Amino acid sequence: MQNSPTAQCPLCPHQCRLSAGGRGNCGARVNRGGKIVSLTYGQICSLAVDPIEKKPLYHFYPGEKILSLGAWGCNLHCEFCQNWDISQQEAPAQNLSPAQAVALARRENVKMLAYTYNEPYVNFEYVCDCCAAARDAGLRNVLVTNGYYLPAPAEKLLALTDALNIDLKAFADDFYRRVCGGTLAPVLATIEQALRKNCHVEITTLLIDGENDAPAMLAREAEWLARYGGANLPTHLSAYFPRYRFTAPATTAANLQRAREIFAARLTHVYLGNLGGEQNTYCPHCQNLLVRRRGYQTAVVGLAAGACARCRAPSGIVTA
């Protein structure tokens, strides 16, 4: 009796080797006849028009709206996942082809599509097709992602991507292995790769008191980000709330502020997420207010052609 063909998924660092009918670590890819195929092509679980600040992206078309869409599945299994109901299990979905996604963006009068909510990378073929269709239509593409990629397939997707917010879960391999089911090195490699491709990159770290917020760890993370992304790399430190399998208390405002001080010693633009209040952007040269934000209410007040309106220094903020 002939053995059923096995196949290895080439997409992410897990490189799952699957027997016929077997599903990958992400749950969204399967071996059919010796070929790895997607189970989620065009299957959209979440669809909304959001402020771009919700991604969060603060230095990419501030104040604009973006069409956000996501499927189900993820190649990490973070015990604190905030979207576990679609990332860690199958979920009800509607079919939305790439052409339909672009047409919807046009009807909603938005200039960008975000692939978000779950991990877009596990829906690789669909996201690439959507990105290509969007780019042909003059729209921008945004990934909200864990960055757990392999460089070769990522090259194709990043070539079609304009901006990313990459979740850097912690600057510790042990945390990735213990809490997320992955490793740190591939995420750092993806950040470097996206920067080399001249994508706009912003970083988010969800801080959990006593887990990934040790001062020395935060200092190493900020130093690494400044070394590879420059001091002006926008960075978001967000408050965790108990979700999924993690029951630790919510991140305290005091610990978020302390983390911000550590990051601010090395990085110019450090924002706090899930905390409320104002999260403004100032010119690092003359301290002119460039963008005012309260929640998702955003006003561009001090920019002229992408530069500070007062001192004319380049802001690094991408504007329409």
Protein backbone atom coordinates (compact mmCIF):
# COMPACT_ATOMS: atom_id res chain seq x y z
CA MET A 1 0.00 0.00 0.00
CA GLN A 2 1.45 3.36 -1.04
CA ASN A 3 2.02 5.87 1.75
CA SER A 4 0.05 9.12 1.62
CA PRO A 5 2.26 12.01 0.47
CA THR A 6 3.63 14.27 3.17
CA ALA A 7 4.39 17.92 2.55
CA GLN A 8 6.26 20.64 4.41
CA CYS A 9 4.75 24.10 4.68
CA PRO A 10 7.34 26.66 3.49
CA LEU A 11 5.65 29.71 4.97
CA CYS A 12 6.72 30.28 8.58
CA PRO A 13 9.43 29.15 11.01
CA HIS A 14 7.36 26.18 12.24
CA GLN A 15 7.85 24.58 8.78
CA CYS A 16 5.13 22.07 9.62
CA ARG A 17 5.54 18.65 7.99
CA LEU A 18 2.03 17.38 7.37
CA SER A 19 0.63 14.02 6.39
CA ALA A 20 -2.28 13.93 3.94
CA GLY A 21 -5.20 15.90 5.41
CA GLY A 22 -3.06 17.23 8.25
CA ARG A 23 -3.36 20.83 9.40
CA GLY A 24 -0.49 23.10 10.25
CA ASN A 25 0.30 24.74 13.57
CA CYS A 26 -1.73 27.77 12.45
CA GLY A 27 -4.88 25.70 11.85
CA ALA A 28 -5.44 27.50 8.56
CA ARG A 29 -3.31 25.45 6.16
CA VAL A 30 -3.71 21.79 5.17
CA ASN A 31 -1.98 19.10 3.11
CA ARG A 32 -4.20 18.16 0.19
CA GLY A 33 -2.68 15.62 -2.15
CA GLY A 34 0.85 16.53 -1.18
CA LYS A 35 0.32 20.27 -1.57
CA ILE A 36 -0.10 22.81 1.24
CA VAL A 37 -3.21 24.91 0.61
CA SER A 38 -5.07 27.62 2.52
CA LEU A 39 -8.37 26.91 4.23
CA THR A 40 -9.13 30.60 4.59
CA TYR A 41 -8.76 32.07 1.10
CA GLY A 42 -11.41 34.80 0.88
CA GLN A 43 -12.99 33.72 4.18
CA ILE A 44 -13.35 36.94 6.15
CA CYS A 45 -14.44 36.82 9.80
CA SER A 46 -14.02 40.50 10.69
CA LEU A 47 -14.59 43.52 8.49
CA ALA A 48 -14.77 47.18 9.50
CA VAL A 49 -13.75 50.70 8.58
CA ASP A 50 -11.42 51.89 11.35
CA PRO A 51 -9.30 54.91 12.16
CA ILE A 52 -5.77 54.05 11.14
CA GLU A 53 -4.70 54.94 14.70
CA LYS A 54 -6.53 51.80 15.84
CA LYS A 55 -3.99 49.50 14.11
CA PRO A 56 -2.04 51.28 15.75
CA LEU A 57 -0.23 53.40 13.15
CA TYR A 58 0.52 56.96 14.25
CA HIS A 59 2.99 58.08 11.60
CA PHE A 60 1.23 56.76 8.49
CA TYR A 61 -1.59 58.90 7.08
CA PRO A 62 -2.72 60.20 10.50
CA GLY A 63 -6.44 60.84 10.77
CA GLU A 64 -7.32 58.67 7.76
CA LYS A 65 -9.77 55.74 7.73
CA ILE A 66 -8.78 52.25 6.66
CA LEU A 67 -10.73 49.16 5.61
CA SER A 68 -9.74 46.38 8.02
CA LEU A 69 -10.30 42.71 7.27
CA GLY A 70 -9.25 39.45 8.85
CA ALA A 71 -9.79 35.70 8.61
CA TRP A 72 -9.05 33.08 11.27
CA GLY A 73 -5.88 31.29 12.34
CA CYS A 74 -2.48 32.25 13.68
CA ASN A 75 1.02 30.76 13.73
CA LEU A 76 1.57 31.87 17.32
CA HIS A 77 -0.55 30.85 20.30
CA CYS A 78 -0.15 33.67 22.81
CA GLU A 79 -1.85 32.78 26.06
CA PHE A 80 -2.96 36.42 26.44
CA CYS A 81 -4.32 36.79 22.87
CA GLN A 82 -6.78 39.67 22.67
CA ASN A 83 -8.45 38.21 19.52
CA TRP A 84 -8.32 34.54 20.47
CA ASP A 85 -11.86 33.86 19.22
CA ILE A 86 -10.66 34.15 15.60
CA SER A 87 -6.93 33.54 15.94
CA GLN A 88 -7.05 30.32 17.93
CA GLN A 89 -10.11 28.63 16.42
CA GLU A 90 -12.25 28.54 13.31
CA ALA A 91 -14.91 31.24 13.15
CA PRO A 92 -17.93 32.09 11.00
CA ALA A 93 -16.87 33.84 7.81
CA GLN A 94 -18.17 35.49 4.68
CA ASN A 95 -16.58 35.26 1.27
CA LEU A 96 -14.83 38.39 0.03
CA SER A 97 -12.69 38.15 -3.10
CA PRO A 98 -9.73 40.51 -3.60
CA ALA A 99 -11.72 42.40 -6.25
CA GLN A 100 -14.64 42.75 -3.85
CA ALA A 101 -12.34 44.00 -1.09
CA VAL A 102 -10.98 46.71 -3.38
CA ALA A 103 -14.49 47.65 -4.55
CA LEU A 104 -15.63 47.91 -0.93
CA ALA A 105 -12.69 50.18 -0.07
CA ARG A 106 -13.67 52.45 -2.96
CA ARG A 107 -17.31 52.54 -1.86
CA GLU A 108 -16.22 53.45 1.65
CA ASN A 109 -13.95 56.15 0.21
CA VAL A 110 -10.85 54.86 2.00
CA LYS A 111 -7.31 54.84 0.63
CA MET A 112 -5.95 51.81 2.47
CA LEU A 113 -6.63 48.19 3.36
CA ALA A 114 -5.42 46.61 6.60
CA TYR A 115 -4.94 42.87 6.97
CA THR A 116 -5.48 42.47 10.68
CA TYR A 117 -7.52 40.96 13.56
CA ASN A 118 -5.97 37.51 13.09
CA GLU A 119 -2.47 36.83 11.72
CA PRO A 120 -2.60 37.80 8.01
CA TYR A 121 0.54 35.84 7.13
CA VAL A 122 -1.20 32.47 7.51
CA ASN A 123 -3.65 33.61 4.81
CA PHE A 124 -0.67 34.35 2.58
CA GLU A 125 -2.11 33.74 -0.89
CA TYR A 126 -5.25 35.78 -0.28
CA VAL A 127 -3.41 38.67 1.35
CA CYS A 128 -0.88 38.78 -1.51
CA ASP A 129 -3.69 38.79 -4.06
CA CYS A 130 -5.54 41.53 -2.17
CA CYS A 131 -2.39 43.60 -1.87
CA ALA A 132 -1.72 43.31 -5.60
CA ALA A 133 -5.31 44.27 -6.48
CA ALA A 134 -5.23 47.17 -4.04
CA ARG A 135 -1.93 48.46 -5.38
CA ASP A 136 -3.26 48.29 -8.94
CA ALA A 137 -6.19 50.42 -7.77
CA GLY A 138 -3.89 53.01 -6.17
CA LEU A 139 -4.62 51.91 -2.61
CA ARG A 140 -2.11 51.35 0.23
CA ASN A 141 -1.60 48.05 2.07
CA VAL A 142 -1.07 47.67 5.81
CA LEU A 143 -0.16 44.52 7.76
CA VAL A 144 -0.88 44.20 11.47
CA THR A 145 1.20 41.16 12.22
CA ASN A 146 3.26 39.11 14.65
CA GLY A 147 6.13 39.06 12.14
CA TYR A 148 6.70 35.32 12.56
CA TYR A 149 7.87 34.89 8.97
CA LEU A 150 10.46 33.12 6.89
CA PRO A 151 12.46 35.57 4.75
CA ALA A 152 11.92 34.03 1.29
CA PRO A 153 8.09 34.02 1.19
CA ALA A 154 8.00 37.25 3.17
CA GLU A 155 9.90 38.96 0.36
CA LYS A 156 6.88 38.65 -1.93
CA LEU A 157 4.42 40.01 0.62
CA LEU A 158 6.63 42.86 1.81
CA ALA A 159 7.13 44.00 -1.77
CA LEU A 160 3.38 44.63 -1.88
CA THR A 161 3.16 46.21 1.57
CA ASP A 162 3.34 49.92 2.40
CA ALA A 163 3.22 49.82 6.20
CA LEU A 164 3.34 47.34 9.06
CA ASN A 165 2.65 47.34 12.74
CA ILE A 166 4.66 44.41 14.08
CA ASP A 167 3.89 42.95 17.51
CA LEU A 168 7.15 42.38 19.34
CA LYS A 169 5.81 40.27 22.19
CA ALA A 170 8.90 40.54 24.38
CA PHE A 171 12.63 40.91 23.96
CA ALA A 172 13.20 37.42 25.33
CA ASP A 173 13.24 34.07 23.57
CA ASP A 174 12.07 32.33 26.75
CA PHE A 175 8.86 34.40 26.77
CA TYR A 176 8.16 33.56 23.15
CA ARG A 177 8.65 29.84 23.76
CA ARG A 178 6.78 29.70 27.07
CA VAL A 179 3.85 32.04 26.40
CA CYS A 180 3.54 32.37 22.61
CA GLY A 181 4.65 29.07 21.10
CA GLY A 182 7.38 30.60 18.96
CA THR A 183 10.84 32.14 19.07
CA LEU A 184 12.16 35.69 19.03
CA ALA A 185 14.79 35.61 16.27
CA PRO A 186 12.42 35.32 13.28
CA VAL A 187 10.44 38.37 14.45
CA LEU A 188 13.58 40.47 14.72
CA ALA A 189 14.61 39.27 11.26
CA THR A 190 11.23 40.32 9.85
CA ILE A 191 11.56 43.80 11.37
CA GLU A 192 14.98 44.18 9.76
CA GLN A 193 13.69 42.83 6.43
CA ALA A 194 10.70 45.21 6.38
CA LEU A 195 12.96 48.16 7.15
CA ARG A 196 15.33 47.15 4.33
CA LYS A 197 12.34 47.03 1.97
CA ASN A 198 11.59 50.65 2.94
CA CYS A 199 8.20 49.75 4.37
CA HIS A 200 6.87 52.09 7.02
CA VAL A 201 7.28 50.16 10.29
CA GLU A 202 5.85 50.73 13.75
CA ILE A 203 6.30 48.39 16.70
CA THR A 204 3.85 47.38 19.43
CA THR A 205 4.71 45.59 22.65
CA LEU A 206 1.82 44.55 24.92
CA LEU A 207 3.21 44.81 28.43
CA ILE A 208 2.23 42.35 31.17
CA ASP A 209 3.31 43.26 34.67
CA GLY A 210 5.99 40.86 35.90
CA GLU A 211 6.18 38.95 32.61
CA ASN A 212 7.81 41.02 29.85
CA ASP A 213 8.40 44.40 31.50
CA ALA A 214 11.67 43.98 33.41
CA PRO A 215 13.63 47.24 33.07
CA ALA A 216 16.73 45.51 31.68
CA MET A 217 14.65 43.66 29.07
CA LEU A 218 12.89 46.87 28.01
CA ALA A 219 16.20 48.70 27.74
CA ARG A 220 17.59 45.95 25.48
CA GLU A 221 14.48 46.09 23.30
CA ALA A 222 14.60 49.87 22.96
CA GLU A 223 18.33 49.78 22.21
CA TRP A 224 17.82 47.14 19.50
CA LEU A 225 14.94 49.06 17.91
CA ALA A 226 16.95 52.28 17.88
CA ARG A 227 19.95 50.51 16.37
CA TYR A 228 18.05 48.93 13.49
CA GLY A 229 15.12 51.31 13.03
CA GLY A 230 16.62 54.60 14.13
CA ALA A 231 15.69 56.78 17.09
CA ASN A 232 12.53 58.00 15.31
CA LEU A 233 10.99 54.53 14.89
CA PRO A 234 7.43 54.86 16.29
CA THR A 235 6.86 52.45 19.16
CA HIS A 236 3.67 51.62 21.04
CA LEU A 237 3.62 50.21 24.57
CA SER A 238 0.13 48.87 25.21
CA ALA A 239 -1.67 47.81 28.35
CA TYR A 240 -2.65 44.15 28.62
CA PHE A 241 -6.07 43.07 29.89
CA PRO A 242 -6.89 39.50 30.98
CA ARG A 243 -7.94 37.47 27.93
CA TYR A 244 -7.98 33.88 26.70
CA ARG A 245 -5.85 31.74 29.06
CA PHE A 246 -4.02 34.53 30.87
CA THR A 247 -5.55 35.76 34.12
CA ALA A 248 -2.83 38.09 35.40
CA PRO A 249 -4.15 41.53 36.46
CA ALA A 250 -4.30 44.28 33.84
CA THR A 251 -1.17 46.34 33.29
CA THR A 252 -0.94 49.27 35.67
CA ALA A 253 -0.60 52.82 34.38
CA ALA A 254 2.45 53.30 36.60
CA ASN A 255 4.29 50.41 34.95
CA LEU A 256 3.40 51.65 31.48
CA GLN A 257 4.75 55.09 32.33
CA ARG A 258 7.93 53.56 33.72
CA ALA A 259 8.37 51.53 30.53
CA ARG A 260 7.85 54.66 28.46
CA GLU A 261 10.64 56.44 30.35
CA ILE A 262 13.01 53.55 29.62
CA PHE A 263 12.12 53.59 25.92
CA ALA A 264 12.26 57.38 25.71
CA ALA A 265 15.94 57.30 26.67
CA ARG A 266 16.62 55.73 23.28
CA LEU A 267 13.55 56.37 21.10
CA THR A 268 11.89 59.68 20.26
CA HIS A 269 8.30 58.63 19.58
CA VAL A 270 6.94 56.32 22.29
CA TYR A 271 3.17 56.02 22.68
CA LEU A 272 1.03 54.34 25.31
CA GLY A 273 -1.89 52.20 24.16
CA ASN A 274 -5.11 51.16 25.92
CA LEU A 275 -4.54 53.89 28.50
CA GLY A 276 -6.61 56.83 27.27
CA GLY A 277 -5.57 60.45 27.34
CA GLU A 278 -3.55 62.32 24.75
CA GLN A 279 -0.87 60.63 22.67
CA ASN A 280 0.54 63.52 20.69
CA THR A 281 3.47 63.72 18.28
CA TYR A 282 5.98 66.56 18.65
CA CYS A 283 8.83 67.65 16.43
CA PRO A 284 12.01 66.23 17.99
CA HIS A 285 13.94 69.33 16.86
CA CYS A 286 11.76 72.23 18.04
CA GLN A 287 8.98 70.50 20.06
CA ASN A 288 6.27 71.92 17.82
CA LEU A 289 3.00 69.95 18.13
CA LEU A 290 2.66 68.00 14.87
CA VAL A 291 -0.30 65.68 15.49
CA ARG A 292 -2.82 65.88 18.33
CA ARG A 293 -4.55 62.66 19.42
CA ARG A 294 -7.13 61.95 22.08
CA GLY A 295 -8.37 58.40 21.76
CA TYR A 296 -9.02 57.96 18.06
CA GLN A 297 -9.73 61.65 17.50
CA THR A 298 -6.78 62.92 15.48
CA ALA A 299 -5.87 66.37 14.16
CA VAL A 300 -2.82 67.14 12.03
CA VAL A 301 -1.89 70.62 13.27
CA GLY A 302 1.81 71.25 12.70
CA LEU A 303 2.82 69.55 9.45
CA ALA A 304 3.50 71.07 6.04
CA ALA A 305 4.33 68.68 3.19
CA GLY A 306 5.49 66.05 5.66
CA ALA A 307 7.79 68.40 7.56
CA CYS A 308 7.47 70.43 10.74
CA ALA A 309 5.63 73.63 9.83
CA ARG A 310 7.77 75.62 12.28
CA CYS A 311 11.37 74.47 11.75
CA ARG A 312 10.94 72.54 8.45
CA ALA A 313 12.68 69.45 9.81
CA PRO A 314 11.46 66.20 8.16
CA SER A 315 8.91 64.55 10.43
CA GLY A 316 9.05 60.97 9.16
CA ILE A 317 5.23 61.03 9.12
CA VAL A 318 3.71 59.77 5.89
CA THR A 319 0.86 62.05 4.80
CA ALA A 320 -1.59 62.18 1.93
